[in-house]
Amino acid sequence: MTGFHDIRFPFAVAIGAVGGPQRRTEIVTLLSGREERNSPWADSLRRWDAGPGVKSLDDLNTLIAFFEARRGRLHGFRFRDPIDNRSCAPSAAPSMLDQLIGTGDGVATAFQLVKTYASGAESWTRTIAKPVEDTVVVAVDGVEAAVSVDHATGQVSFAAPPADGAAITAGFAFDCAVRFDTDQLDIALDAVGAGAAPSVPLVELKL
């Protein structure tokens, strides 16, 4: 049975991964030479290659064990994006004011963690489903509040509903849900006896 294993890809290997967000844009060139562009995807899809992160035989051994335990592409797992893994800039520590995750209506007690990417007047909001334990801090109108966190879905819950119009903000670190995008690892020893895995493709899962 397919599933999701709540375990993180070895960070020593992940730190050397290359990749990032992918979008899909359909472009039609008209007879006039102008273009019509459309995107069938509402959200981006992230892909990485963890192969460059394998630096030693020990890294290779760790990777093989992790791959076999996930049965190749069968089971998903957590992956820490080396660059984009928190609610704030990579050089900062998460703050309870980082991200607006909702507005109180006096009824709702549950809110989904999200991260908004803004540039100019445009923005895109990403659902955060795999927060890291003990990193989530939440505030109501700038005052830290106690919440329960579902680390499997990224939903935070209050014991009582925040007041109508109250700004709910949060800070957190997070992982991505991914799977291997191959059922075969190509591994080798280089000339000095170090381990090498030319390509270890990973693809984001939409849970």
Protein backbone atom coordinates (compact mmCIF):
# COMPACT_ATOMS: atom_id res chain seq x y z
CA MET A 1 0.00 0.00 0.00
CA THR A 2 1.30 3.46 -0.85
CA GLY A 3 1.60 5.99 1.90
CA PHE A 4 3.61 8.71 3.54
CA HIS A 5 6.46 8.02 5.95
CA ASP A 6 6.87 10.83 8.46
CA ILE A 7 10.66 10.84 8.25
CA ARG A 8 13.03 13.42 6.80
CA PHE A 9 15.40 12.78 3.91
CA PRO A 10 19.00 12.79 5.27
CA PHE A 11 19.96 16.44 5.59
CA ALA A 12 23.66 15.82 4.93
CA VAL A 13 22.65 14.73 1.42
CA ALA A 14 19.80 17.24 1.01
CA ILE A 15 22.11 20.21 1.63
CA GLY A 16 23.72 19.66 -1.78
CA ALA A 17 20.45 19.19 -3.69
CA VAL A 18 19.69 21.38 -6.70
CA GLY A 19 16.21 22.32 -7.84
CA GLY A 20 13.23 24.48 -7.02
CA PRO A 21 9.72 25.44 -8.14
CA GLN A 22 8.37 24.48 -11.54
CA ARG A 23 5.43 26.11 -13.33
CA ARG A 24 3.57 25.00 -16.42
CA THR A 25 2.64 27.66 -18.96
CA GLU A 26 0.86 26.94 -22.24
CA ILE A 27 1.77 29.44 -24.95
CA VAL A 28 -0.04 29.90 -28.27
CA THR A 29 1.54 32.17 -30.85
CA LEU A 30 -1.12 33.96 -32.93
CA LEU A 31 -0.83 34.83 -36.62
CA SER A 32 -0.10 38.40 -35.61
CA GLY A 33 2.94 37.22 -33.66
CA ARG A 34 1.35 38.03 -30.33
CA GLU A 35 1.10 35.36 -27.64
CA GLU A 36 -1.69 34.01 -25.52
CA ARG A 37 -0.45 32.46 -22.29
CA ASN A 38 -2.34 30.29 -19.85
CA SER A 39 -1.36 28.18 -16.87
CA PRO A 40 -3.34 24.99 -16.10
CA TRP A 41 -1.61 24.78 -12.71
CA ALA A 42 -2.87 26.91 -9.82
CA ASP A 43 0.23 26.01 -7.79
CA SER A 44 3.87 25.37 -8.54
CA LEU A 45 5.47 21.93 -8.26
CA ARG A 46 8.92 21.56 -6.78
CA ARG A 47 11.58 19.21 -8.06
CA TRP A 48 15.11 18.55 -6.86
CA ASP A 49 18.07 16.36 -7.71
CA ALA A 50 19.79 15.20 -4.53
CA GLY A 51 22.61 13.46 -6.40
CA PRO A 52 25.11 16.33 -5.96
CA GLY A 53 24.70 16.00 -2.19
CA VAL A 54 26.37 12.58 -2.12
CA LYS A 55 29.98 13.31 -1.11
CA SER A 56 31.20 10.10 0.49
CA LEU A 57 30.65 6.37 0.82
CA ASP A 58 28.84 7.02 4.09
CA ASP A 59 26.44 9.41 2.31
CA LEU A 60 25.87 6.77 -0.34
CA ASN A 61 25.19 4.10 2.26
CA THR A 62 22.69 6.38 4.02
CA LEU A 63 20.96 7.17 0.72
CA ILE A 64 20.65 3.50 -0.28
CA ALA A 65 19.14 2.59 3.09
CA PHE A 66 16.65 5.46 2.86
CA PHE A 67 15.71 4.59 -0.74
CA GLU A 68 15.17 0.91 0.07
CA ALA A 69 13.09 1.70 3.16
CA ARG A 70 10.81 3.92 1.05
CA ARG A 71 10.58 1.17 -1.63
CA GLY A 72 11.68 3.60 -4.33
CA ARG A 73 8.74 5.71 -5.54
CA LEU A 74 6.18 3.89 -3.39
CA HIS A 75 6.22 5.98 -0.21
CA GLY A 76 6.53 9.71 0.32
CA PHE A 77 8.66 11.41 2.96
CA ARG A 78 9.75 14.80 4.29
CA PHE A 79 12.42 16.83 2.53
CA ARG A 80 14.02 20.01 3.82
CA ASP A 81 14.54 22.44 0.96
CA PRO A 82 18.05 23.82 1.57
CA ILE A 83 16.91 27.37 0.66
CA ASP A 84 13.16 27.70 1.21
CA ASN A 85 12.35 26.04 4.54
CA ARG A 86 10.90 28.70 6.83
CA SER A 87 8.30 31.44 7.06
CA CYS A 88 10.95 34.16 6.82
CA ALA A 89 14.21 34.86 5.02
CA PRO A 90 16.83 32.06 5.20
CA SER A 91 19.07 34.22 7.42
CA ALA A 92 16.31 34.99 9.97
CA ALA A 93 14.58 33.05 12.71
CA PRO A 94 10.82 32.43 12.39
CA SER A 95 8.69 35.06 14.13
CA MET A 96 5.02 34.90 15.12
CA LEU A 97 4.41 37.90 12.82
CA ASP A 98 5.94 36.40 9.65
CA GLN A 99 2.86 35.20 7.76
CA LEU A 100 -0.82 36.17 7.81
CA ILE A 101 -2.68 32.85 7.93
CA GLY A 102 -6.23 34.10 8.45
CA THR A 103 -8.65 36.55 9.99
CA GLY A 104 -10.86 35.69 12.93
CA ASP A 105 -14.63 35.60 12.48
CA GLY A 106 -15.61 34.74 16.05
CA VAL A 107 -16.49 31.18 15.00
CA ALA A 108 -13.54 29.43 13.34
CA THR A 109 -10.95 27.82 15.61
CA ALA A 110 -8.76 26.11 12.95
CA PHE A 111 -6.44 27.85 10.50
CA GLN A 112 -4.09 26.47 7.82
CA LEU A 113 -0.43 27.45 7.80
CA VAL A 114 0.49 29.22 4.57
CA LYS A 115 3.40 31.15 3.13
CA THR A 116 2.84 34.07 0.77
CA TYR A 117 5.39 34.94 -1.92
CA ALA A 118 4.98 38.57 -2.96
CA SER A 119 6.70 40.73 -5.56
CA GLY A 120 5.32 44.13 -6.44
CA ALA A 121 1.54 44.02 -6.57
CA GLU A 122 1.41 40.28 -7.26
CA SER A 123 1.55 37.37 -4.83
CA TRP A 124 1.00 33.63 -4.56
CA THR A 125 0.06 31.75 -1.40
CA ARG A 126 1.44 28.29 -0.71
CA THR A 127 -0.17 25.79 1.65
CA ILE A 128 2.28 24.53 4.28
CA ALA A 129 1.35 20.97 5.20
CA LYS A 130 4.49 19.71 6.94
CA PRO A 131 5.64 22.14 9.65
CA VAL A 132 8.60 21.13 11.78
CA GLU A 133 7.77 20.20 15.37
CA ASP A 134 8.39 22.82 18.05
CA THR A 135 8.91 25.64 15.53
CA VAL A 136 5.36 26.98 15.09
CA VAL A 137 4.55 30.25 16.89
CA VAL A 138 1.17 31.93 16.42
CA ALA A 139 -0.16 35.37 17.34
CA VAL A 140 -3.58 37.01 17.44
CA ASP A 141 -3.35 40.74 16.70
CA GLY A 142 0.35 40.59 17.51
CA VAL A 143 0.00 38.79 20.85
CA GLU A 144 1.37 35.27 21.08
CA ALA A 145 -1.37 32.67 21.50
CA ALA A 146 -1.45 29.03 22.54
CA VAL A 147 -2.48 26.62 19.78
CA SER A 148 -2.35 22.93 19.00
CA VAL A 149 -0.50 22.03 15.79
CA ASP A 150 -1.25 19.15 13.46
CA HIS A 151 2.21 18.43 12.04
CA ALA A 152 0.74 16.08 9.43
CA THR A 153 -1.50 18.73 7.83
CA GLY A 154 -0.17 22.13 8.91
CA GLN A 155 -3.41 23.14 10.62
CA VAL A 156 -3.32 25.08 13.89
CA SER A 157 -6.26 25.11 16.30
CA PHE A 158 -7.31 27.48 19.09
CA ALA A 159 -9.21 26.38 22.18
CA ALA A 160 -11.60 29.31 21.59
CA PRO A 161 -12.28 31.19 18.33
CA PRO A 162 -10.29 34.40 17.79
CA ALA A 163 -12.39 37.56 17.76
CA ASP A 164 -14.04 38.81 14.58
CA GLY A 165 -11.51 40.76 12.50
CA ALA A 166 -8.47 39.61 14.50
CA ALA A 167 -5.31 39.05 12.42
CA ILE A 168 -3.91 35.53 12.83
CA THR A 169 -0.19 35.38 12.06
CA ALA A 170 2.42 32.66 12.39
CA GLY A 171 6.06 31.78 12.03
CA PHE A 172 7.46 28.30 11.45
CA ALA A 173 10.01 26.05 9.81
CA PHE A 174 8.69 23.48 7.36
CA ASP A 175 9.49 20.48 5.21
CA CYS A 176 8.13 19.50 1.80
CA ALA A 177 6.27 16.26 1.16
CA VAL A 178 8.12 14.47 -1.65
CA ARG A 179 8.84 11.06 -3.15
CA PHE A 180 11.65 9.64 -5.21
CA ASP A 181 10.99 10.16 -8.91
CA THR A 182 12.84 6.99 -9.88
CA ASP A 183 12.74 3.31 -8.96
CA GLN A 184 16.43 2.86 -9.72
CA LEU A 185 19.50 4.41 -8.13
CA ASP A 186 22.57 4.65 -10.35
CA ILE A 187 25.53 4.59 -7.97
CA ALA A 188 29.27 4.35 -8.49
CA LEU A 189 32.70 4.79 -6.98
CA ASP A 190 34.89 7.53 -8.36
CA ALA A 191 38.63 7.31 -8.95
CA VAL A 192 39.53 8.00 -5.32
CA GLY A 193 36.99 5.57 -3.90
CA ALA A 194 34.35 8.11 -2.88
CA GLY A 195 30.67 7.45 -3.48
CA ALA A 196 28.71 9.06 -6.29
CA ALA A 197 25.07 9.11 -7.33
CA PRO A 198 24.80 11.15 -10.53
CA SER A 199 21.05 11.66 -10.23
CA VAL A 200 18.58 11.24 -7.35
CA PRO A 201 15.38 12.96 -8.55
CA LEU A 202 12.75 14.01 -6.02
CA VAL A 203 9.31 15.43 -6.80
CA GLU A 204 6.89 17.26 -4.53
CA LEU A 205 3.68 15.52 -3.49
CA LYS A 206 0.32 17.27 -3.36
CA LEU A 207 -1.31 15.80 -0.26
